[in-house]
PDB file of N, CA and C in Angstrom:
ATOM      1  N   MET A   1     113.838  74.161  98.021  1.00  0.00           N
ATOM      2  CA  MET A   1     113.829  75.399  99.221  1.00  0.00           C
ATOM      3  C   MET A   1     112.137  76.058  99.424  1.00  0.00           C
ATOM      4  N   VAL A   2     111.448  76.172  99.774  1.00  0.00           N
ATOM      5  CA  VAL A   2     110.171  77.135 100.336  1.00  0.00           C
ATOM      6  C   VAL A   2     110.812  77.635 101.266  1.00  0.00           C
ATOM      7  N   ILE A   3     110.591  79.157 101.289  1.00  0.00           N
ATOM      8  CA  ILE A   3     110.442  79.719 103.174  1.00  0.00           C
ATOM      9  C   ILE A   3     109.109  81.086 102.683  1.00  0.00           C
ATOM     10  N   ARG A   4     108.129  80.859 103.540  1.00  0.00           N
ATOM     11  CA  ARG A   4     106.594  81.626 103.613  1.00  0.00           C
ATOM     12  C   ARG A   4     106.788  82.350 104.321  1.00  0.00           C
ATOM     13  N   GLU A   5     106.800  83.450 103.673  1.00  0.00           N
ATOM     14  CA  GLU A   5     106.225  84.940 104.572  1.00  0.00           C
ATOM     15  C   GLU A   5     106.025  84.688 105.872  1.00  0.00           C
ATOM     16  N   LYS A   6     105.199  83.723 106.310  1.00  0.00           N
ATOM     17  CA  LYS A   6     104.763  83.725 108.254  1.00  0.00           C
ATOM     18  C   LYS A   6     106.452  82.987 108.360  1.00  0.00           C
ATOM     19  N   ASP A   7     107.172  82.486 107.795  1.00  0.00           N
ATOM     20  CA  ASP A   7     108.106  81.286 108.424  1.00  0.00           C
ATOM     21  C   ASP A   7     109.538  82.754 108.554  1.00  0.00           C
ATOM     22  N   ALA A   8     109.204  83.525 108.178  1.00  0.00           N
ATOM     23  CA  ALA A   8     110.133  84.694 107.418  1.00  0.00           C
ATOM     24  C   ALA A   8     110.903  85.528 109.321  1.00  0.00           C
ATOM     25  N   LEU A   9     111.844  86.056 109.301  1.00  0.00           N
ATOM     26  CA  LEU A   9     112.234  86.578 110.744  1.00  0.00           C
ATOM     27  C   LEU A   9     111.869  87.421 110.356  1.00  0.00           C
ATOM     28  N   LYS A  10     110.487  88.447 111.416  1.00  0.00           N
ATOM     29  CA  LYS A  10     110.319  89.926 111.456  1.00  0.00           C
ATOM     30  C   LYS A  10     111.199  90.903 112.087  1.00  0.00           C
ATOM     31  N   ILE A  11     111.314  92.528 111.796  1.00  0.00           N
ATOM     32  CA  ILE A  11     112.248  92.948 112.214  1.00  0.00           C
ATOM     33  C   ILE A  11     111.886  93.875 112.359  1.00  0.00           C
ATOM     34  N   VAL A  12     111.025  95.049 113.050  1.00  0.00           N
ATOM     35  CA  VAL A  12     110.053  96.224 113.194  1.00  0.00           C
ATOM     36  C   VAL A  12     111.812  97.012 113.499  1.00  0.00           C
ATOM     37  N   GLY A  13     111.954  98.116 112.366  1.00  0.00           N
ATOM     38  CA  GLY A  13     112.851  99.067 112.902  1.00  0.00           C
ATOM     39  C   GLY A  13     112.840 100.381 112.870  1.00  0.00           C
ATOM     40  N   GLU A  14     113.193 100.799 113.810  1.00  0.00           N
ATOM     41  CA  GLU A  14     112.873 102.428 113.415  1.00  0.00           C
ATOM     42  C   GLU A  14     114.417 103.266 113.369  1.00  0.00           C
ATOM     43  N   ASN A  15     113.688 104.506 112.638  1.00  0.00           N
ATOM     44  CA  ASN A  15     114.161 105.333 111.398  1.00  0.00           C
ATOM     45  C   ASN A  15     115.311 104.637 111.177  1.00  0.00           C
ATOM     46  N   PRO A  16     115.329 104.381 109.742  1.00  0.00           N
ATOM     47  CA  PRO A  16     115.952 103.229 109.016  1.00  0.00           C
ATOM     48  C   PRO A  16     117.284 104.314 108.942  1.00  0.00           C
ATOM     49  N   ARG A  17     118.760 103.391 108.813  1.00  0.00           N
ATOM     50  CA  ARG A  17     119.620 104.029 108.462  1.00  0.00           C
ATOM     51  C   ARG A  17     119.563 105.644 108.977  1.00  0.00           C
ATOM     52  N   GLY A  18     119.333 106.056 110.270  1.00  0.00           N
ATOM     53  CA  GLY A  18     119.550 107.175 110.978  1.00  0.00           C
ATOM     54  C   GLY A  18     118.343 108.743 109.960  1.00  0.00           C
ATOM     55  N   GLY A  19     117.308 108.258 109.272  1.00  0.00           N
ATOM     56  CA  GLY A  19     116.058 108.381 108.989  1.00  0.00           C
ATOM     57  C   GLY A  19     114.897 108.645 109.395  1.00  0.00           C
ATOM     58  N   LYS A  20     113.667 109.050 108.960  1.00  0.00           N
ATOM     59  CA  LYS A  20     112.683 108.403 109.992  1.00  0.00           C
ATOM     60  C   LYS A  20     111.346 107.900 109.944  1.00  0.00           C
ATOM     61  N   GLY A  21     111.120 107.014 111.200  1.00  0.00           N
ATOM     62  CA  GLY A  21     110.015 106.401 111.131  1.00  0.00           C
ATOM     63  C   GLY A  21     110.105 104.887 111.319  1.00  0.00           C
ATOM     64  N   THR A  22     108.956 104.098 110.786  1.00  0.00           N
ATOM     65  CA  THR A  22     109.233 102.807 110.663  1.00  0.00           C
ATOM     66  C   THR A  22     109.410 101.765 109.386  1.00  0.00           C
ATOM     67  N   ILE A  23     110.416 100.642 109.918  1.00  0.00           N
ATOM     68  CA  ILE A  23     109.559  99.484 108.509  1.00  0.00           C
ATOM     69  C   ILE A  23     110.174  97.836 108.793  1.00  0.00           C
ATOM     70  N   TYR A  24     109.805  97.416 108.090  1.00  0.00           N
ATOM     71  CA  TYR A  24     109.164  96.475 108.261  1.00  0.00           C
ATOM     72  C   TYR A  24     109.868  95.326 107.825  1.00  0.00           C
ATOM     73  N   ASN A  25     110.762  94.773 107.908  1.00  0.00           N
ATOM     74  CA  ASN A  25     112.083  94.117 107.620  1.00  0.00           C
ATOM     75  C   ASN A  25     111.921  92.742 107.845  1.00  0.00           C
ATOM     76  N   TYR A  26     111.249  91.931 106.638  1.00  0.00           N
ATOM     77  CA  TYR A  26     111.294  89.970 106.594  1.00  0.00           C
ATOM     78  C   TYR A  26     112.408  88.696 105.642  1.00  0.00           C
ATOM     79  N   ARG A  27     113.307  88.774 106.872  1.00  0.00           N
ATOM     80  CA  ARG A  27     114.099  88.080 106.342  1.00  0.00           C
ATOM     81  C   ARG A  27     114.693  86.602 105.861  1.00  0.00           C
ATOM     82  N   TYR A  28     114.388  86.112 105.093  1.00  0.00           N
ATOM     83  CA  TYR A  28     113.605  85.122 104.793  1.00  0.00           C
ATOM     84  C   TYR A  28     114.996  84.487 104.307  1.00  0.00           C
ATOM     85  N   LEU A  29     116.136  85.538 103.847  1.00  0.00           N
ATOM     86  CA  LEU A  29     117.554  84.559 103.864  1.00  0.00           C
ATOM     87  C   LEU A  29     118.604  85.420 104.529  1.00  0.00           C
ATOM     88  N   ASP A  30     119.754  85.374 104.706  1.00  0.00           N
ATOM     89  CA  ASP A  30     120.606  85.716 105.403  1.00  0.00           C
ATOM     90  C   ASP A  30     121.595  85.270 105.120  1.00  0.00           C
ATOM     91  N   LYS A  31     123.360  85.950 104.616  1.00  0.00           N
ATOM     92  CA  LYS A  31     124.342  85.484 104.329  1.00  0.00           C
ATOM     93  C   LYS A  31     124.996  84.102 104.945  1.00  0.00           C
ATOM     94  N   ASP A  32     124.550  84.398 106.108  1.00  0.00           N
ATOM     95  CA  ASP A  32     124.866  82.406 106.418  1.00  0.00           C
ATOM     96  C   ASP A  32     124.507  81.780 106.218  1.00  0.00           C
ATOM     97  N   GLU A  33     123.502  81.614 105.503  1.00  0.00           N
ATOM     98  CA  GLU A  33     122.161  80.852 104.980  1.00  0.00           C
ATOM     99  C   GLU A  33     122.046  80.569 103.338  1.00  0.00           C
ATOM    100  N   ILE A  34     123.046  81.010 102.942  1.00  0.00           N
ATOM    101  CA  ILE A  34     123.709  81.647 101.004  1.00  0.00           C
ATOM    102  C   ILE A  34     124.871  80.914 100.744  1.00  0.00           C
ATOM    103  N   ASN A  35     124.273  79.904  99.771  1.00  0.00           N
ATOM    104  CA  ASN A  35     126.090  79.809  99.151  1.00  0.00           C
ATOM    105  C   ASN A  35     127.461  80.568  98.640  1.00  0.00           C
ATOM    106  N   THR A  36     125.889  81.227  97.869  1.00  0.00           N
ATOM    107  CA  THR A  36     126.600  82.431  97.495  1.00  0.00           C
ATOM    108  C   THR A  36     127.217  83.918  97.694  1.00  0.00           C
ATOM    109  N   PRO A  37     127.418  84.428  96.750  1.00  0.00           N
ATOM    110  CA  PRO A  37     128.102  86.228  97.050  1.00  0.00           C
ATOM    111  C   PRO A  37     126.637  87.026  98.024  1.00  0.00           C
ATOM    112  N   LEU A  38     125.927  86.638  97.814  1.00  0.00           N
ATOM    113  CA  LEU A  38     124.395  86.777  98.134  1.00  0.00           C
ATOM    114  C   LEU A  38     124.206  86.689  99.700  1.00  0.00           C
ATOM    115  N   LYS A  39     124.578  88.331 100.204  1.00  0.00           N
ATOM    116  CA  LYS A  39     124.462  88.696 101.438  1.00  0.00           C
ATOM    117  C   LYS A  39     122.996  88.668 102.451  1.00  0.00           C
ATOM    118  N   GLY A  40     122.201  89.033 101.284  1.00  0.00           N
ATOM    119  CA  GLY A  40     120.575  88.220 101.919  1.00  0.00           C
ATOM    120  C   GLY A  40     119.468  89.180 100.870  1.00  0.00           C
ATOM    121  N   PHE A  41     118.641  87.714 101.007  1.00  0.00           N
ATOM    122  CA  PHE A  41     117.694  88.639 100.380  1.00  0.00           C
ATOM    123  C   PHE A  41     116.625  88.801 101.486  1.00  0.00           C
ATOM    124  N   TYR A  42     115.723  90.449 101.173  1.00  0.00           N
ATOM    125  CA  TYR A  42     114.131  90.638 102.638  1.00  0.00           C
ATOM    126  C   TYR A  42     113.364  91.228 101.574  1.00  0.00           C
ATOM    127  N   VAL A  43     112.502  91.406 102.481  1.00  0.00           N
ATOM    128  CA  VAL A  43     110.858  91.665 101.811  1.00  0.00           C
ATOM    129  C   VAL A  43     110.901  93.344 102.188  1.00  0.00           C
ATOM    130  N   ASN A  44     111.170  94.446 102.228  1.00  0.00           N
ATOM    131  CA  ASN A  44     110.369  95.492 103.001  1.00  0.00           C
ATOM    132  C   ASN A  44     109.086  96.617 103.538  1.00  0.00           C
ATOM    133  N   GLU A  45     108.442  97.069 104.205  1.00  0.00           N
ATOM    134  CA  GLU A  45     107.719  98.015 104.190  1.00  0.00           C
ATOM    135  C   GLU A  45     107.539  98.796 104.839  1.00  0.00           C
ATOM    136  N   LEU A  46     107.858  99.704 104.092  1.00  0.00           N
ATOM    137  CA  LEU A  46     108.727 101.335 104.746  1.00  0.00           C
ATOM    138  C   LEU A  46     106.988 102.351 104.531  1.00  0.00           C
ATOM    139  N   LEU A  47     107.127 102.128 106.496  1.00  0.00           N
ATOM    140  CA  LEU A  47     105.423 103.116 105.668  1.00  0.00           C
ATOM    141  C   LEU A  47     105.480 104.856 105.563  1.00  0.00           C
ATOM    142  N   PRO A  48     104.120 104.530 105.629  1.00  0.00           N
ATOM    143  CA  PRO A  48     104.186 106.142 105.230  1.00  0.00           C
ATOM    144  C   PRO A  48     104.891 107.459 105.674  1.00  0.00           C
ATOM    145  N   GLY A  49     105.547 107.755 105.203  1.00  0.00           N
ATOM    146  CA  GLY A  49     105.479 108.885 105.832  1.00  0.00           C
ATOM    147  C   GLY A  49     106.752 108.884 106.884  1.00  0.00           C
ATOM    148  N   SER A  50     107.937 107.535 106.170  1.00  0.00           N
ATOM    149  CA  SER A  50     109.126 107.059 106.777  1.00  0.00           C
ATOM    150  C   SER A  50     110.227 107.251 105.350  1.00  0.00           C
ATOM    151  N   GLU A  51     111.487 107.503 105.642  1.00  0.00           N
ATOM    152  CA  GLU A  51     112.513 107.488 105.495  1.00  0.00           C
ATOM    153  C   GLU A  51     113.255 106.695 105.567  1.00  0.00           C
ATOM    154  N   ILE A  52     114.045 105.656 104.360  1.00  0.00           N
ATOM    155  CA  ILE A  52     115.526 105.758 105.067  1.00  0.00           C
ATOM    156  C   ILE A  52     116.882 106.889 104.708  1.00  0.00           C
ATOM    157  N   CYS A  53     117.336 106.914 105.043  1.00  0.00           N
ATOM    158  CA  CYS A  53     118.106 107.635 104.914  1.00  0.00           C
ATOM    159  C   CYS A  53     119.843 107.643 103.819  1.00  0.00           C
ATOM    160  N   TYR A  54     119.992 108.640 103.420  1.00  0.00           N
ATOM    161  CA  TYR A  54     121.019 108.033 102.111  1.00  0.00           C
ATOM    162  C   TYR A  54     122.495 107.386 102.926  1.00  0.00           C
ATOM    163  N   HIS A  55     122.618 106.340 102.253  1.00  0.00           N
ATOM    164  CA  HIS A  55     124.275 106.156 102.588  1.00  0.00           C
ATOM    165  C   HIS A  55     124.092 105.409 101.139  1.00  0.00           C
ATOM    166  N   GLU A  56     125.797 104.860 101.398  1.00  0.00           N
ATOM    167  CA  GLU A  56     126.567 104.716 100.778  1.00  0.00           C
ATOM    168  C   GLU A  56     126.979 102.652 100.853  1.00  0.00           C
ATOM    169  N   HIS A  57     127.230 102.258  99.598  1.00  0.00           N
ATOM    170  CA  HIS A  57     127.400 100.822 100.066  1.00  0.00           C
ATOM    171  C   HIS A  57     129.699 100.525  99.265  1.00  0.00           C
ATOM    172  N   ILE A  58     129.482 100.858 100.728  1.00  0.00           N
ATOM    173  CA  ILE A  58     130.579 100.594  99.925  1.00  0.00           C
ATOM    174  C   ILE A  58     132.019  99.259 100.404  1.00  0.00           C
ATOM    175  N   ASP A  59     131.293  98.297 100.624  1.00  0.00           N
ATOM    176  CA  ASP A  59     131.827  96.899 100.405  1.00  0.00           C
ATOM    177  C   ASP A  59     130.559  96.243  99.853  1.00  0.00           C
ATOM    178  N   ASP A  60     129.087  96.385  99.182  1.00  0.00           N
ATOM    179  CA  ASP A  60     128.686  95.140  98.775  1.00  0.00           C
ATOM    180  C   ASP A  60     127.879  96.604  97.609  1.00  0.00           C
ATOM    181  N   GLU A  61     126.493  95.646  97.224  1.00  0.00           N
ATOM    182  CA  GLU A  61     126.126  96.229  96.116  1.00  0.00           C
ATOM    183  C   GLU A  61     124.515  95.789  96.457  1.00  0.00           C
ATOM    184  N   GLU A  62     123.640  97.136  96.225  1.00  0.00           N
ATOM    185  CA  GLU A  62     122.109  96.457  96.916  1.00  0.00           C
ATOM    186  C   GLU A  62     120.941  97.507  95.486  1.00  0.00           C
ATOM    187  N   PHE A  63     119.986  96.075  95.295  1.00  0.00           N
ATOM    188  CA  PHE A  63     118.736  95.790  94.482  1.00  0.00           C
ATOM    189  C   PHE A  63     117.764  96.227  95.500  1.00  0.00           C
ATOM    190  N   TYR A  64     116.222  96.953  95.166  1.00  0.00           N
ATOM    191  CA  TYR A  64     115.156  97.072  95.704  1.00  0.00           C
ATOM    192  C   TYR A  64     113.777  97.379  94.260  1.00  0.00           C
ATOM    193  N   TYR A  65     113.993  95.666  94.536  1.00  0.00           N
ATOM    194  CA  TYR A  65     112.614  95.826  93.171  1.00  0.00           C
ATOM    195  C   TYR A  65     111.539  95.998  94.246  1.00  0.00           C
ATOM    196  N   ILE A  66     110.713  97.847  94.042  1.00  0.00           N
ATOM    197  CA  ILE A  66     109.548  97.948  94.371  1.00  0.00           C
ATOM    198  C   ILE A  66     108.328  97.136  93.928  1.00  0.00           C
ATOM    199  N   LEU A  67     107.180  96.550  95.441  1.00  0.00           N
ATOM    200  CA  LEU A  67     106.261  95.485  94.690  1.00  0.00           C
ATOM    201  C   LEU A  67     105.032  96.573  94.659  1.00  0.00           C
ATOM    202  N   SER A  68     104.753  97.365  95.775  1.00  0.00           N
ATOM    203  CA  SER A  68     103.984  98.586  95.765  1.00  0.00           C
ATOM    204  C   SER A  68     103.859  99.257  96.387  1.00  0.00           C
ATOM    205  N   GLY A  69     102.978 100.443  96.222  1.00  0.00           N
ATOM    206  CA  GLY A  69     103.761 102.177  97.088  1.00  0.00           C
ATOM    207  C   GLY A  69     104.261 102.878  95.664  1.00  0.00           C
ATOM    208  N   LYS A  70     104.781 104.245  96.254  1.00  0.00           N
ATOM    209  CA  LYS A  70     105.246 105.274  95.695  1.00  0.00           C
ATOM    210  C   LYS A  70     106.173 105.536  96.762  1.00  0.00           C
ATOM    211  N   GLY A  71     107.121 106.401  96.256  1.00  0.00           N
ATOM    212  CA  GLY A  71     108.157 107.635  97.346  1.00  0.00           C
ATOM    213  C   GLY A  71     108.923 108.190  96.154  1.00  0.00           C
ATOM    214  N   ILE A  72     110.244 108.384  96.677  1.00  0.00           N
ATOM    215  CA  ILE A  72     111.033 109.380  96.177  1.00  0.00           C
ATOM    216  C   ILE A  72     112.295 108.230  96.583  1.00  0.00           C
ATOM    217  N   VAL A  73     113.541 107.620  95.205  1.00  0.00           N
ATOM    218  CA  VAL A  73     114.615 107.900  96.151  1.00  0.00           C
ATOM    219  C   VAL A  73     115.270 109.120  95.349  1.00  0.00           C
ATOM    220  N   ASN A  74     117.178 108.850  96.517  1.00  0.00           N
ATOM    221  CA  ASN A  74     117.729 109.712  96.209  1.00  0.00           C
ATOM    222  C   ASN A  74     119.316 108.072  95.629  1.00  0.00           C
ATOM    223  N   ASP A  75     118.673 108.464  94.539  1.00  0.00           N
ATOM    224  CA  ASP A  75     120.034 107.978  93.898  1.00  0.00           C
ATOM    225  C   ASP A  75     121.158 108.460  93.752  1.00  0.00           C
ATOM    226  N   ASN A  76     122.124 108.324  94.252  1.00  0.00           N
ATOM    227  CA  ASN A  76     123.604 108.601  94.385  1.00  0.00           C
ATOM    228  C   ASN A  76     123.707 110.190  94.270  1.00  0.00           C
ATOM    229  N   GLY A  77     122.699 110.656  94.496  1.00  0.00           N
ATOM    230  CA  GLY A  77     122.586 112.163  95.165  1.00  0.00           C
ATOM    231  C   GLY A  77     121.119 112.241  94.271  1.00  0.00           C
ATOM    232  N   LYS A  78     120.361 111.815  92.773  1.00  0.00           N
ATOM    233  CA  LYS A  78     119.486 112.515  92.195  1.00  0.00           C
ATOM    234  C   LYS A  78     118.085 111.973  92.415  1.00  0.00           C
ATOM    235  N   GLU A  79     117.320 112.779  92.860  1.00  0.00           N
ATOM    236  CA  GLU A  79     116.175 112.259  93.782  1.00  0.00           C
ATOM    237  C   GLU A  79     115.216 112.118  92.157  1.00  0.00           C
ATOM    238  N   ARG A  80     114.319 110.489  92.590  1.00  0.00           N
ATOM    239  CA  ARG A  80     113.255 110.576  91.237  1.00  0.00           C
ATOM    240  C   ARG A  80     112.424 109.599  92.559  1.00  0.00           C
ATOM    241  N   GLU A  81     111.131 109.490  91.073  1.00  0.00           N
ATOM    242  CA  GLU A  81     110.011 109.099  91.511  1.00  0.00           C
ATOM    243  C   GLU A  81     110.239 107.312  91.170  1.00  0.00           C
ATOM    244  N   ILE A  82     109.465 107.093  92.089  1.00  0.00           N
ATOM    245  CA  ILE A  82     109.863 105.169  91.998  1.00  0.00           C
ATOM    246  C   ILE A  82     108.258 104.804  92.217  1.00  0.00           C
ATOM    247  N   GLY A  83     107.816 103.393  91.503  1.00  0.00           N
ATOM    248  CA  GLY A  83     106.344 102.697  91.885  1.00  0.00           C
ATOM    249  C   GLY A  83     106.628 101.711  91.315  1.00  0.00           C
ATOM    250  N   PRO A  84     105.897 100.743  91.322  1.00  0.00           N
ATOM    251  CA  PRO A  84     105.667  99.516  91.288  1.00  0.00           C
ATOM    252  C   PRO A  84     106.067  99.002  90.313  1.00  0.00           C
ATOM    253  N   GLY A  85     106.840  98.244  89.862  1.00  0.00           N
ATOM    254  CA  GLY A  85     107.783  97.934  88.788  1.00  0.00           C
ATOM    255  C   GLY A  85     108.985  97.633  88.914  1.00  0.00           C
ATOM    256  N   ASP A  86     109.755  99.778  89.193  1.00  0.00           N
ATOM    257  CA  ASP A  86     110.820 100.001  89.114  1.00  0.00           C
ATOM    258  C   ASP A  86     111.404  99.088  90.274  1.00  0.00           C
ATOM    259  N   LEU A  87     112.829  98.733  90.030  1.00  0.00           N
ATOM    260  CA  LEU A  87     113.885  98.754  89.842  1.00  0.00           C
ATOM    261  C   LEU A  87     115.215  99.611  90.619  1.00  0.00           C
ATOM    262  N   ILE A  88     115.987 100.131  91.731  1.00  0.00           N
ATOM    263  CA  ILE A  88     116.566 100.703  92.461  1.00  0.00           C
ATOM    264  C   ILE A  88     118.087  99.922  92.613  1.00  0.00           C
ATOM    265  N   TYR A  89     118.698 100.298  91.775  1.00  0.00           N
ATOM    266  CA  TYR A  89     119.855  99.654  91.565  1.00  0.00           C
ATOM    267  C   TYR A  89     121.076 100.021  92.529  1.00  0.00           C
ATOM    268  N   THR A  90     121.382 100.521  92.815  1.00  0.00           N
ATOM    269  CA  THR A  90     122.621 100.620  94.220  1.00  0.00           C
ATOM    270  C   THR A  90     123.976  99.948  93.694  1.00  0.00           C
ATOM    271  N   PRO A  91     125.503 100.513  92.123  1.00  0.00           N
ATOM    272  CA  PRO A  91     126.441  99.357  92.693  1.00  0.00           C
ATOM    273  C   PRO A  91     127.386  99.957  93.671  1.00  0.00           C
ATOM    274  N   PHE A  92     128.538  99.246  93.800  1.00  0.00           N
ATOM    275  CA  PHE A  92     129.290  99.534  94.571  1.00  0.00           C
ATOM    276  C   PHE A  92     129.957 101.327  94.626  1.00  0.00           C
ATOM    277  N   LYS A  93     130.021 101.550  95.793  1.00  0.00           N
ATOM    278  CA  LYS A  93     131.156 102.340  96.112  1.00  0.00           C
ATOM    279  C   LYS A  93     130.059 103.252  96.030  1.00  0.00           C
ATOM    280  N   GLU A  94     128.106 103.446  95.776  1.00  0.00           N
ATOM    281  CA  GLU A  94     127.524 104.536  94.932  1.00  0.00           C
ATOM    282  C   GLU A  94     126.401 103.697  96.548  1.00  0.00           C
ATOM    283  N   GLY A  95     125.757 105.533  96.469  1.00  0.00           N
ATOM    284  CA  GLY A  95     124.843 105.678  97.555  1.00  0.00           C
ATOM    285  C   GLY A  95     123.435 105.550  96.954  1.00  0.00           C
ATOM    286  N   HIS A  96     122.266 105.790  98.133  1.00  0.00           N
ATOM    287  CA  HIS A  96     120.916 105.911  98.017  1.00  0.00           C
ATOM    288  C   HIS A  96     120.394 106.591  99.131  1.00  0.00           C
ATOM    289  N   GLY A  97     119.063 106.222  99.013  1.00  0.00           N
ATOM    290  CA  GLY A  97     118.366 106.456 100.357  1.00  0.00           C
ATOM    291  C   GLY A  97     116.855 106.544  99.616  1.00  0.00           C
ATOM    292  N   LEU A  98     115.721 106.740 100.541  1.00  0.00           N
ATOM    293  CA  LEU A  98     114.210 106.133  99.919  1.00  0.00           C
ATOM    294  C   LEU A  98     113.191 106.748 100.594  1.00  0.00           C
ATOM    295  N   LYS A  99     112.288 107.833 100.578  1.00  0.00           N
ATOM    296  CA  LYS A  99     110.761 108.122 101.180  1.00  0.00           C
ATOM    297  C   LYS A  99     109.871 107.693 100.767  1.00  0.00           C
ATOM    298  N   ASN A 100     109.196 107.377 101.764  1.00  0.00           N
ATOM    299  CA  ASN A 100     107.884 106.799 101.256  1.00  0.00           C
ATOM    300  C   ASN A 100     106.522 108.525 101.320  1.00  0.00           C
ATOM    301  N   THR A 101     106.518 108.529 100.264  1.00  0.00           N
ATOM    302  CA  THR A 101     105.566 109.783 100.147  1.00  0.00           C
ATOM    303  C   THR A 101     104.220 109.891  99.652  1.00  0.00           C
ATOM    304  N   GLY A 102     103.425 108.282  99.020  1.00  0.00           N
ATOM    305  CA  GLY A 102     102.039 107.913  99.435  1.00  0.00           C
ATOM    306  C   GLY A 102     101.616 107.739 101.051  1.00  0.00           C
ATOM    307  N   ASP A 103     100.319 107.360 101.050  1.00  0.00           N
ATOM    308  CA  ASP A 103      99.336 106.956 102.037  1.00  0.00           C
ATOM    309  C   ASP A 103      99.666 105.389 102.187  1.00  0.00           C
ATOM    310  N   GLU A 104     100.038 104.235 101.259  1.00  0.00           N
ATOM    311  CA  GLU A 104     100.681 103.040 101.323  1.00  0.00           C
ATOM    312  C   GLU A 104     101.752 102.937 101.924  1.00  0.00           C
ATOM    313  N   PRO A 105     102.204 101.925 102.754  1.00  0.00           N
ATOM    314  CA  PRO A 105     103.410 100.949 102.541  1.00  0.00           C
ATOM    315  C   PRO A 105     104.253 100.761 101.231  1.00  0.00           C
ATOM    316  N   ILE A 106     105.816 101.302 101.398  1.00  0.00           N
ATOM    317  CA  ILE A 106     106.188 101.004  99.801  1.00  0.00           C
ATOM    318  C   ILE A 106     106.811  99.432 100.654  1.00  0.00           C
ATOM    319  N   LYS A 107     106.519  98.404  99.659  1.00  0.00           N
ATOM    320  CA  LYS A 107     106.783  97.266 100.455  1.00  0.00           C
ATOM    321  C   LYS A 107     107.988  96.858  98.432  1.00  0.00           C
ATOM    322  N   PHE A 108     109.249  96.204  99.170  1.00  0.00           N
ATOM    323  CA  PHE A 108     109.490  95.889  98.584  1.00  0.00           C
ATOM    324  C   PHE A 108     111.021  95.092  97.891  1.00  0.00           C
ATOM    325  N   ALA A 109     111.522  94.195  97.728  1.00  0.00           N
ATOM    326  CA  ALA A 109     112.144  92.644  97.599  1.00  0.00           C
ATOM    327  C   ALA A 109     113.967  94.235  97.567  1.00  0.00           C
ATOM    328  N   ALA A 110     114.417  93.437  98.339  1.00  0.00           N
ATOM    329  CA  ALA A 110     116.192  93.901  98.464  1.00  0.00           C
ATOM    330  C   ALA A 110     117.121  92.735  98.698  1.00  0.00           C
ATOM    331  N   PHE A 111     117.831  92.876  97.443  1.00  0.00           N
ATOM    332  CA  PHE A 111     118.932  92.181  97.636  1.00  0.00           C
ATOM    333  C   PHE A 111     120.425  92.913  96.866  1.00  0.00           C
ATOM    334  N   ILE A 112     120.838  91.996  98.637  1.00  0.00           N
ATOM    335  CA  ILE A 112     122.624  92.793  98.521  1.00  0.00           C
ATOM    336  C   ILE A 112     123.527  91.768  98.530  1.00  0.00           C
ATOM    337  N   VAL A 113     124.548  92.163  97.250  1.00  0.00           N
ATOM    338  CA  VAL A 113     125.648  91.300  97.387  1.00  0.00           C
ATOM    339  C   VAL A 113     126.743  92.160  97.304  1.00  0.00           C
ATOM    340  N   GLU A 114     127.510  91.306  97.776  1.00  0.00           N
ATOM    341  CA  GLU A 114     129.246  91.551  98.149  1.00  0.00           C
ATOM    342  C   GLU A 114     129.872  91.565  97.177  1.00  0.00           C
ATOM    343  N   GLY A 115     130.083  93.085  97.145  1.00  0.00           N
ATOM    344  CA  GLY A 115     131.509  93.123  96.286  1.00  0.00           C
ATOM    345  C   GLY A 115     132.382  93.457  95.823  1.00  0.00           C
TER     346      GLY A 115
END
C-alpha cells in the first residue's frame, strides 16, 4: 500500500493540546486501518511560534521523528533543544510538549503505540 501526502487527511489544529498557535496534521493511517498495536501514523507541521502543551501518555506511548525545523521539547519535565534527525520518545505514563522556536515549521512524523 502506498499513501501519498495529497491523499492523507489534512487537519488544521489550533492551540494543540491546550498550547498555542497552529499545527497541520496529515493523517496517513488511523487505528481502525491498522492491524497492529500502532494507533496511527501522522506527519505534523508545527508552525513558528506554536506550541503543543505538555501532556502525559496514560495508555499509550509516542514517538516524534523530527524531519525539519528546530525547537524545544519538554521531555518529562526537562527542556532540550531538538532539530532534524532527532527522535523524541515518550514512554507509557510519561509526558512531553513541543515548542517551535525557529522561523520555519517543525515537520515531524508521529507514531502512537498502545501501551
